Amino acid sequence: MSSANQTTDHEEIRRWIEEREGTPSRVKDSGEGGILRVDFGEQEENLEPMEWDDFFSVFEKSDLAFLHQDRTADGKLSRFSKFVSRS
């Protein structure tokens, strides 16, 4: 697997997600703010889409960073990502 990068830059995160046709989302019924996810393709039943402003508001309040991989080891566009604590 190719190495992963970590960022808190909103524009970089948005660009990465949109390049992969992802949608900012959260897990349904996951409490205040919610658990952030990126939904790719057909909407998953347990996820609900979010507006970018709401998504980044939860991202900041939860003190998260975005861990992502740009390319797989064989050079293909990667969809690997996860949200991690900044600390």
PDB file of N, CA and C in Angstrom:
ATOM      1  N   MET A   1       0.837  -1.170   0.000  1.00  0.00           N
ATOM      2  CA  MET A   1       0.000   0.000   0.000  1.00  0.00           C
ATOM      3  C   MET A   1       0.888   1.241   0.000  1.00  0.00           C
ATOM      4  N   SER A   2       0.498   2.246  -0.732  1.00  0.00           N
ATOM      5  CA  SER A   2       1.197   3.518  -0.781  1.00  0.00           C
ATOM      6  C   SER A   2       0.975   4.266   0.528  1.00  0.00           C
ATOM      7  N   SER A   3       1.834   5.219   0.833  1.00  0.00           N
ATOM      8  CA  SER A   3       1.727   5.940   2.097  1.00  0.00           C
ATOM      9  C   SER A   3       0.491   6.845   2.128  1.00  0.00           C
ATOM     10  N   ALA A   4       0.048   7.152   3.348  1.00  0.00           N
ATOM     11  CA  ALA A   4      -1.117   8.009   3.547  1.00  0.00           C
ATOM     12  C   ALA A   4      -0.656   9.379   4.030  1.00  0.00           C
ATOM     13  N   ASN A   5      -1.453  10.382   3.738  1.00  0.00           N
ATOM     14  CA  ASN A   5      -1.186  11.755   4.147  1.00  0.00           C
ATOM     15  C   ASN A   5      -2.250  12.191   5.143  1.00  0.00           C
ATOM     16  N   GLN A   6      -1.882  13.108   6.018  1.00  0.00           N
ATOM     17  CA  GLN A   6      -2.833  13.630   6.994  1.00  0.00           C
ATOM     18  C   GLN A   6      -2.962  15.130   6.795  1.00  0.00           C
ATOM     19  N   THR A   7      -4.200  15.629   6.855  1.00  0.00           N
ATOM     20  CA  THR A   7      -4.430  17.061   6.689  1.00  0.00           C
ATOM     21  C   THR A   7      -5.627  17.518   7.514  1.00  0.00           C
ATOM     22  N   THR A   8      -5.646  18.823   7.784  1.00  0.00           N
ATOM     23  CA  THR A   8      -6.814  19.468   8.387  1.00  0.00           C
ATOM     24  C   THR A   8      -7.323  20.571   7.469  1.00  0.00           C
ATOM     25  N   ASP A   9      -6.718  20.728   6.306  1.00  0.00           N
ATOM     26  CA  ASP A   9      -7.073  21.766   5.349  1.00  0.00           C
ATOM     27  C   ASP A   9      -8.402  21.438   4.660  1.00  0.00           C
ATOM     28  N   HIS A  10      -9.399  22.278   4.862  1.00  0.00           N
ATOM     29  CA  HIS A  10     -10.745  22.012   4.342  1.00  0.00           C
ATOM     30  C   HIS A  10     -10.768  21.913   2.817  1.00  0.00           C
ATOM     31  N   GLU A  11     -10.063  22.791   2.145  1.00  0.00           N
ATOM     32  CA  GLU A  11     -10.060  22.761   0.675  1.00  0.00           C
ATOM     33  C   GLU A  11      -9.409  21.483   0.138  1.00  0.00           C
ATOM     34  N   GLU A  12      -8.337  21.057   0.761  1.00  0.00           N
ATOM     35  CA  GLU A  12      -7.678  19.818   0.339  1.00  0.00           C
ATOM     36  C   GLU A  12      -8.597  18.609   0.549  1.00  0.00           C
ATOM     37  N   ILE A  13      -9.274  18.586   1.687  1.00  0.00           N
ATOM     38  CA  ILE A  13     -10.198  17.491   1.990  1.00  0.00           C
ATOM     39  C   ILE A  13     -11.350  17.479   0.987  1.00  0.00           C
ATOM     40  N   ARG A  14     -11.937  18.629   0.755  1.00  0.00           N
ATOM     41  CA  ARG A  14     -13.066  18.722  -0.188  1.00  0.00           C
ATOM     42  C   ARG A  14     -12.636  18.300  -1.590  1.00  0.00           C
ATOM     43  N   ARG A  15     -11.476  18.778  -2.044  1.00  0.00           N
ATOM     44  CA  ARG A  15     -10.965  18.427  -3.376  1.00  0.00           C
ATOM     45  C   ARG A  15     -10.768  16.914  -3.491  1.00  0.00           C
ATOM     46  N   TRP A  16     -10.148  16.304  -2.463  1.00  0.00           N
ATOM     47  CA  TRP A  16      -9.878  14.866  -2.480  1.00  0.00           C
ATOM     48  C   TRP A  16     -11.194  14.088  -2.588  1.00  0.00           C
ATOM     49  N   ILE A  17     -12.184  14.452  -1.785  1.00  0.00           N
ATOM     50  CA  ILE A  17     -13.477  13.757  -1.780  1.00  0.00           C
ATOM     51  C   ILE A  17     -14.202  13.938  -3.111  1.00  0.00           C
ATOM     52  N   GLU A  18     -14.259  15.159  -3.615  1.00  0.00           N
ATOM     53  CA  GLU A  18     -14.974  15.423  -4.863  1.00  0.00           C
ATOM     54  C   GLU A  18     -14.298  14.772  -6.068  1.00  0.00           C
ATOM     55  N   GLU A  19     -12.968  14.691  -6.079  1.00  0.00           N
ATOM     56  CA  GLU A  19     -12.261  14.017  -7.181  1.00  0.00           C
ATOM     57  C   GLU A  19     -12.643  12.541  -7.280  1.00  0.00           C
ATOM     58  N   ARG A  20     -13.076  11.974  -6.180  1.00  0.00           N
ATOM     59  CA  ARG A  20     -13.453  10.558  -6.130  1.00  0.00           C
ATOM     60  C   ARG A  20     -14.968  10.377  -6.120  1.00  0.00           C
ATOM     61  N   GLU A  21     -15.676  11.457  -6.437  1.00  0.00           N
ATOM     62  CA  GLU A  21     -17.144  11.463  -6.492  1.00  0.00           C
ATOM     63  C   GLU A  21     -17.775  11.040  -5.174  1.00  0.00           C
ATOM     64  N   GLY A  22     -17.154  11.463  -4.082  1.00  0.00           N
ATOM     65  CA  GLY A  22     -17.668  11.175  -2.751  1.00  0.00           C
ATOM     66  C   GLY A  22     -18.609  12.259  -2.266  1.00  0.00           C
ATOM     67  N   THR A  23     -19.354  11.932  -1.225  1.00  0.00           N
ATOM     68  CA  THR A  23     -20.309  12.842  -0.611  1.00  0.00           C
ATOM     69  C   THR A  23     -19.998  12.939   0.881  1.00  0.00           C
ATOM     70  N   PRO A  24     -19.899  14.164   1.429  1.00  0.00           N
ATOM     71  CA  PRO A  24     -19.719  14.285   2.874  1.00  0.00           C
ATOM     72  C   PRO A  24     -20.970  13.763   3.573  1.00  0.00           C
ATOM     73  N   SER A  25     -20.765  12.882   4.548  1.00  0.00           N
ATOM     74  CA  SER A  25     -21.895  12.206   5.188  1.00  0.00           C
ATOM     75  C   SER A  25     -21.614  11.977   6.663  1.00  0.00           C
ATOM     76  N   ARG A  26     -22.667  11.536   7.357  1.00  0.00           N
ATOM     77  CA  ARG A  26     -22.523  11.118   8.752  1.00  0.00           C
ATOM     78  C   ARG A  26     -23.377   9.879   8.972  1.00  0.00           C
ATOM     79  N   VAL A  27     -23.022   9.131   9.991  1.00  0.00           N
ATOM     80  CA  VAL A  27     -23.790   7.945  10.351  1.00  0.00           C
ATOM     81  C   VAL A  27     -25.108   8.412  10.953  1.00  0.00           C
ATOM     82  N   LYS A  28     -26.222   7.850  10.476  1.00  0.00           N
ATOM     83  CA  LYS A  28     -27.542   8.201  11.006  1.00  0.00           C
ATOM     84  C   LYS A  28     -27.613   7.847  12.485  1.00  0.00           C
ATOM     85  N   ASP A  29     -28.332   8.678  13.233  1.00  0.00           N
ATOM     86  CA  ASP A  29     -28.583   8.445  14.658  1.00  0.00           C
ATOM     87  C   ASP A  29     -27.287   8.262  15.455  1.00  0.00           C
ATOM     88  N   SER A  30     -26.251   9.053  15.119  1.00  0.00           N
ATOM     89  CA  SER A  30     -24.971   8.900  15.821  1.00  0.00           C
ATOM     90  C   SER A  30     -24.722  10.012  16.837  1.00  0.00           C
ATOM     91  N   GLY A  31     -25.792  10.658  17.276  1.00  0.00           N
ATOM     92  CA  GLY A  31     -25.653  11.667  18.316  1.00  0.00           C
ATOM     93  C   GLY A  31     -25.371  13.046  17.771  1.00  0.00           C
ATOM     94  N   GLU A  32     -25.076  13.963  18.697  1.00  0.00           N
ATOM     95  CA  GLU A  32     -24.836  15.361  18.328  1.00  0.00           C
ATOM     96  C   GLU A  32     -23.655  15.462  17.368  1.00  0.00           C
ATOM     97  N   GLY A  33     -23.885  16.099  16.247  1.00  0.00           N
ATOM     98  CA  GLY A  33     -22.834  16.226  15.241  1.00  0.00           C
ATOM     99  C   GLY A  33     -22.731  15.008  14.362  1.00  0.00           C
ATOM    100  N   GLY A  34     -22.586  13.877  14.981  1.00  0.00           N
ATOM    101  CA  GLY A  34     -22.532  12.632  14.240  1.00  0.00           C
ATOM    102  C   GLY A  34     -21.121  12.123  14.004  1.00  0.00           C
ATOM    103  N   ILE A  35     -21.044  10.934  13.482  1.00  0.00           N
ATOM    104  CA  ILE A  35     -19.784  10.300  13.115  1.00  0.00           C
ATOM    105  C   ILE A  35     -19.595  10.522  11.625  1.00  0.00           C
ATOM    106  N   LEU A  36     -18.542  11.230  11.255  1.00  0.00           N
ATOM    107  CA  LEU A  36     -18.315  11.587   9.862  1.00  0.00           C
ATOM    108  C   LEU A  36     -17.855  10.397   9.026  1.00  0.00           C
ATOM    109  N   ARG A  37     -18.322  10.393   7.790  1.00  0.00           N
ATOM    110  CA  ARG A  37     -17.933   9.384   6.801  1.00  0.00           C
ATOM    111  C   ARG A  37     -17.920  10.046   5.429  1.00  0.00           C
ATOM    112  N   VAL A  38     -17.280   9.387   4.466  1.00  0.00           N
ATOM    113  CA  VAL A  38     -17.357   9.781   3.070  1.00  0.00           C
ATOM    114  C   VAL A  38     -18.111   8.668   2.367  1.00  0.00           C
ATOM    115  N   ASP A  39     -19.171   9.022   1.670  1.00  0.00           N
ATOM    116  CA  ASP A  39     -19.976   8.037   0.956  1.00  0.00           C
ATOM    117  C   ASP A  39     -19.609   8.103  -0.527  1.00  0.00           C
ATOM    118  N   PHE A  40     -19.242   6.963  -1.095  1.00  0.00           N
ATOM    119  CA  PHE A  40     -18.873   6.882  -2.502  1.00  0.00           C
ATOM    120  C   PHE A  40     -19.949   6.108  -3.257  1.00  0.00           C
ATOM    121  N   GLY A  41     -20.365   6.656  -4.394  1.00  0.00           N
ATOM    122  CA  GLY A  41     -21.332   5.947  -5.232  1.00  0.00           C
ATOM    123  C   GLY A  41     -22.733   6.025  -4.684  1.00  0.00           C
ATOM    124  N   GLU A  42     -23.415   4.910  -4.729  1.00  0.00           N
ATOM    125  CA  GLU A  42     -24.806   4.835  -4.276  1.00  0.00           C
ATOM    126  C   GLU A  42     -24.886   5.064  -2.767  1.00  0.00           C
ATOM    127  N   GLN A  43     -25.842   5.902  -2.338  1.00  0.00           N
ATOM    128  CA  GLN A  43     -25.981   6.259  -0.927  1.00  0.00           C
ATOM    129  C   GLN A  43     -26.173   5.019  -0.056  1.00  0.00           C
ATOM    130  N   GLU A  44     -25.312   4.870   0.964  1.00  0.00           N
ATOM    131  CA  GLU A  44     -25.452   3.760   1.908  1.00  0.00           C
ATOM    132  C   GLU A  44     -26.627   4.031   2.834  1.00  0.00           C
ATOM    133  N   GLU A  45     -27.352   2.998   3.176  1.00  0.00           N
ATOM    134  CA  GLU A  45     -28.566   3.121   3.973  1.00  0.00           C
ATOM    135  C   GLU A  45     -28.318   3.725   5.352  1.00  0.00           C
ATOM    136  N   ASN A  46     -27.174   3.428   5.973  1.00  0.00           N
ATOM    137  CA  ASN A  46     -26.916   3.914   7.331  1.00  0.00           C
ATOM    138  C   ASN A  46     -26.248   5.299   7.361  1.00  0.00           C
ATOM    139  N   LEU A  47     -26.066   5.923   6.176  1.00  0.00           N
ATOM    140  CA  LEU A  47     -25.450   7.244   6.110  1.00  0.00           C
ATOM    141  C   LEU A  47     -26.432   8.273   5.583  1.00  0.00           C
ATOM    142  N   GLU A  48     -26.249   9.517   6.034  1.00  0.00           N
ATOM    143  CA  GLU A  48     -27.033  10.622   5.503  1.00  0.00           C
ATOM    144  C   GLU A  48     -26.077  11.706   5.022  1.00  0.00           C
ATOM    145  N   PRO A  49     -26.370  12.290   3.849  1.00  0.00           N
ATOM    146  CA  PRO A  49     -25.487  13.324   3.309  1.00  0.00           C
ATOM    147  C   PRO A  49     -25.538  14.593   4.154  1.00  0.00           C
ATOM    148  N   MET A  50     -24.455  15.363   4.097  1.00  0.00           N
ATOM    149  CA  MET A  50     -24.348  16.618   4.832  1.00  0.00           C
ATOM    150  C   MET A  50     -23.912  17.725   3.875  1.00  0.00           C
ATOM    151  N   GLU A  51     -24.251  18.944   4.219  1.00  0.00           N
ATOM    152  CA  GLU A  51     -23.714  20.100   3.524  1.00  0.00           C
ATOM    153  C   GLU A  51     -22.262  20.267   3.976  1.00  0.00           C
ATOM    154  N   TRP A  52     -21.438  20.824   3.097  1.00  0.00           N
ATOM    155  CA  TRP A  52     -20.020  20.980   3.421  1.00  0.00           C
ATOM    156  C   TRP A  52     -19.811  21.808   4.692  1.00  0.00           C
ATOM    157  N   ASP A  53     -20.552  22.895   4.879  1.00  0.00           N
ATOM    158  CA  ASP A  53     -20.369  23.731   6.070  1.00  0.00           C
ATOM    159  C   ASP A  53     -20.653  22.949   7.349  1.00  0.00           C
ATOM    160  N   ASP A  54     -21.711  22.149   7.357  1.00  0.00           N
ATOM    161  CA  ASP A  54     -22.046  21.329   8.522  1.00  0.00           C
ATOM    162  C   ASP A  54     -20.985  20.262   8.752  1.00  0.00           C
ATOM    163  N   PHE A  55     -20.530  19.654   7.673  1.00  0.00           N
ATOM    164  CA  PHE A  55     -19.499  18.622   7.730  1.00  0.00           C
ATOM    165  C   PHE A  55     -18.233  19.172   8.402  1.00  0.00           C
ATOM    166  N   PHE A  56     -17.768  20.338   7.939  1.00  0.00           N
ATOM    167  CA  PHE A  56     -16.549  20.900   8.492  1.00  0.00           C
ATOM    168  C   PHE A  56     -16.746  21.461   9.897  1.00  0.00           C
ATOM    169  N   SER A  57     -17.956  21.858  10.237  1.00  0.00           N
ATOM    170  CA  SER A  57     -18.245  22.284  11.600  1.00  0.00           C
ATOM    171  C   SER A  57     -18.051  21.111  12.566  1.00  0.00           C
ATOM    172  N   VAL A  58     -18.593  19.949  12.225  1.00  0.00           N
ATOM    173  CA  VAL A  58     -18.419  18.748  13.047  1.00  0.00           C
ATOM    174  C   VAL A  58     -16.943  18.344  13.063  1.00  0.00           C
ATOM    175  N   PHE A  59     -16.285  18.421  11.921  1.00  0.00           N
ATOM    176  CA  PHE A  59     -14.868  18.087  11.795  1.00  0.00           C
ATOM    177  C   PHE A  59     -14.035  18.906  12.789  1.00  0.00           C
ATOM    178  N   GLU A  60     -14.290  20.204  12.852  1.00  0.00           N
ATOM    179  CA  GLU A  60     -13.531  21.079  13.752  1.00  0.00           C
ATOM    180  C   GLU A  60     -13.907  20.860  15.216  1.00  0.00           C
ATOM    181  N   LYS A  61     -15.206  20.759  15.511  1.00  0.00           N
ATOM    182  CA  LYS A  61     -15.648  20.555  16.896  1.00  0.00           C
ATOM    183  C   LYS A  61     -15.133  19.239  17.462  1.00  0.00           C
ATOM    184  N   SER A  62     -14.949  18.255  16.587  1.00  0.00           N
ATOM    185  CA  SER A  62     -14.470  16.943  17.021  1.00  0.00           C
ATOM    186  C   SER A  62     -12.945  16.850  17.022  1.00  0.00           C
ATOM    187  N   ASP A  63     -12.284  17.942  16.617  1.00  0.00           N
ATOM    188  CA  ASP A  63     -10.816  18.017  16.597  1.00  0.00           C
ATOM    189  C   ASP A  63     -10.212  16.877  15.774  1.00  0.00           C
ATOM    190  N   LEU A  64     -10.723  16.730  14.547  1.00  0.00           N
ATOM    191  CA  LEU A  64     -10.305  15.638  13.676  1.00  0.00           C
ATOM    192  C   LEU A  64      -9.279  16.078  12.641  1.00  0.00           C
ATOM    193  N   ALA A  65      -8.584  15.093  12.102  1.00  0.00           N
ATOM    194  CA  ALA A  65      -7.719  15.243  10.937  1.00  0.00           C
ATOM    195  C   ALA A  65      -8.182  14.211   9.923  1.00  0.00           C
ATOM    196  N   PHE A  66      -7.856  14.439   8.663  1.00  0.00           N
ATOM    197  CA  PHE A  66      -8.263  13.551   7.572  1.00  0.00           C
ATOM    198  C   PHE A  66      -7.033  12.800   7.071  1.00  0.00           C
ATOM    199  N   LEU A  67      -7.051  11.488   7.236  1.00  0.00           N
ATOM    200  CA  LEU A  67      -5.978  10.615   6.775  1.00  0.00           C
ATOM    201  C   LEU A  67      -6.426  10.032   5.442  1.00  0.00           C
ATOM    202  N   HIS A  68      -5.605  10.182   4.408  1.00  0.00           N
ATOM    203  CA  HIS A  68      -6.025   9.737   3.081  1.00  0.00           C
ATOM    204  C   HIS A  68      -4.831   9.306   2.237  1.00  0.00           C
ATOM    205  N   GLN A  69      -5.131   8.498   1.264  1.00  0.00           N
ATOM    206  CA  GLN A  69      -4.130   8.008   0.326  1.00  0.00           C
ATOM    207  C   GLN A  69      -4.501   8.526  -1.058  1.00  0.00           C
ATOM    208  N   ASP A  70      -3.560   9.128  -1.761  1.00  0.00           N
ATOM    209  CA  ASP A  70      -3.844   9.658  -3.090  1.00  0.00           C
ATOM    210  C   ASP A  70      -3.866   8.567  -4.150  1.00  0.00           C
ATOM    211  N   ARG A  71      -2.888   7.676  -4.118  1.00  0.00           N
ATOM    212  CA  ARG A  71      -2.765   6.614  -5.122  1.00  0.00           C
ATOM    213  C   ARG A  71      -2.452   5.290  -4.438  1.00  0.00           C
ATOM    214  N   THR A  72      -2.912   4.213  -5.037  1.00  0.00           N
ATOM    215  CA  THR A  72      -2.568   2.880  -4.554  1.00  0.00           C
ATOM    216  C   THR A  72      -1.125   2.574  -4.957  1.00  0.00           C
ATOM    217  N   ALA A  73      -0.581   1.486  -4.464  1.00  0.00           N
ATOM    218  CA  ALA A  73       0.793   1.100  -4.785  1.00  0.00           C
ATOM    219  C   ALA A  73       0.993   0.911  -6.283  1.00  0.00           C
ATOM    220  N   ASP A  74      -0.060   0.510  -6.993  1.00  0.00           N
ATOM    221  CA  ASP A  74       0.066   0.315  -8.442  1.00  0.00           C
ATOM    222  C   ASP A  74      -0.332   1.562  -9.244  1.00  0.00           C
ATOM    223  N   GLY A  75      -0.504   2.711  -8.554  1.00  0.00           N
ATOM    224  CA  GLY A  75      -0.735   3.982  -9.233  1.00  0.00           C
ATOM    225  C   GLY A  75      -2.173   4.367  -9.499  1.00  0.00           C
ATOM    226  N   LYS A  76      -3.121   3.536  -9.103  1.00  0.00           N
ATOM    227  CA  LYS A  76      -4.530   3.858  -9.321  1.00  0.00           C
ATOM    228  C   LYS A  76      -5.024   4.839  -8.262  1.00  0.00           C
ATOM    229  N   LEU A  77      -6.069   5.600  -8.602  1.00  0.00           N
ATOM    230  CA  LEU A  77      -6.678   6.539  -7.677  1.00  0.00           C
ATOM    231  C   LEU A  77      -7.214   5.767  -6.467  1.00  0.00           C
ATOM    232  N   SER A  78      -6.830   6.191  -5.279  1.00  0.00           N
ATOM    233  CA  SER A  78      -7.232   5.489  -4.058  1.00  0.00           C
ATOM    234  C   SER A  78      -8.432   6.165  -3.410  1.00  0.00           C
ATOM    235  N   ARG A  79      -9.271   5.386  -2.767  1.00  0.00           N
ATOM    236  CA  ARG A  79     -10.390   5.899  -1.970  1.00  0.00           C
ATOM    237  C   ARG A  79     -10.153   5.677  -0.477  1.00  0.00           C
ATOM    238  N   PHE A  80      -8.956   5.239  -0.111  1.00  0.00           N
ATOM    239  CA  PHE A  80      -8.673   5.007   1.313  1.00  0.00           C
ATOM    240  C   PHE A  80      -8.675   6.328   2.059  1.00  0.00           C
ATOM    241  N   SER A  81      -9.481   6.388   3.111  1.00  0.00           N
ATOM    242  CA  SER A  81      -9.493   7.560   3.980  1.00  0.00           C
ATOM    243  C   SER A  81     -10.114   7.191   5.320  1.00  0.00           C
ATOM    244  N   LYS A  82      -9.773   7.974   6.324  1.00  0.00           N
ATOM    245  CA  LYS A  82     -10.453   7.859   7.614  1.00  0.00           C
ATOM    246  C   LYS A  82     -10.207   9.122   8.416  1.00  0.00           C
ATOM    247  N   PHE A  83     -11.069   9.347   9.366  1.00  0.00           N
ATOM    248  CA  PHE A  83     -10.956  10.497  10.242  1.00  0.00           C
ATOM    249  C   PHE A  83     -10.269  10.046  11.524  1.00  0.00           C
ATOM    250  N   VAL A  84      -9.257  10.814  11.948  1.00  0.00           N
ATOM    251  CA  VAL A  84      -8.483  10.472  13.136  1.00  0.00           C
ATOM    252  C   VAL A  84      -8.395  11.687  14.037  1.00  0.00           C
ATOM    253  N   SER A  85      -8.090  11.450  15.278  1.00  0.00           N
ATOM    254  CA  SER A  85      -7.908  12.540  16.237  1.00  0.00           C
ATOM    255  C   SER A  85      -6.639  13.315  15.898  1.00  0.00           C
ATOM    256  N   ARG A  86      -6.694  14.625  16.059  1.00  0.00           N
ATOM    257  CA  ARG A  86      -5.509  15.456  15.806  1.00  0.00           C
ATOM    258  C   ARG A  86      -4.438  15.250  16.860  1.00  0.00           C
ATOM    259  N   SER A  87      -4.832  14.810  18.041  1.00  0.00           N
ATOM    260  CA  SER A  87      -3.831  14.662  19.114  1.00  0.00           C
ATOM    261  C   SER A  87      -3.186  13.307  19.143  1.00  0.00           C
TER     262      SER A  87
END
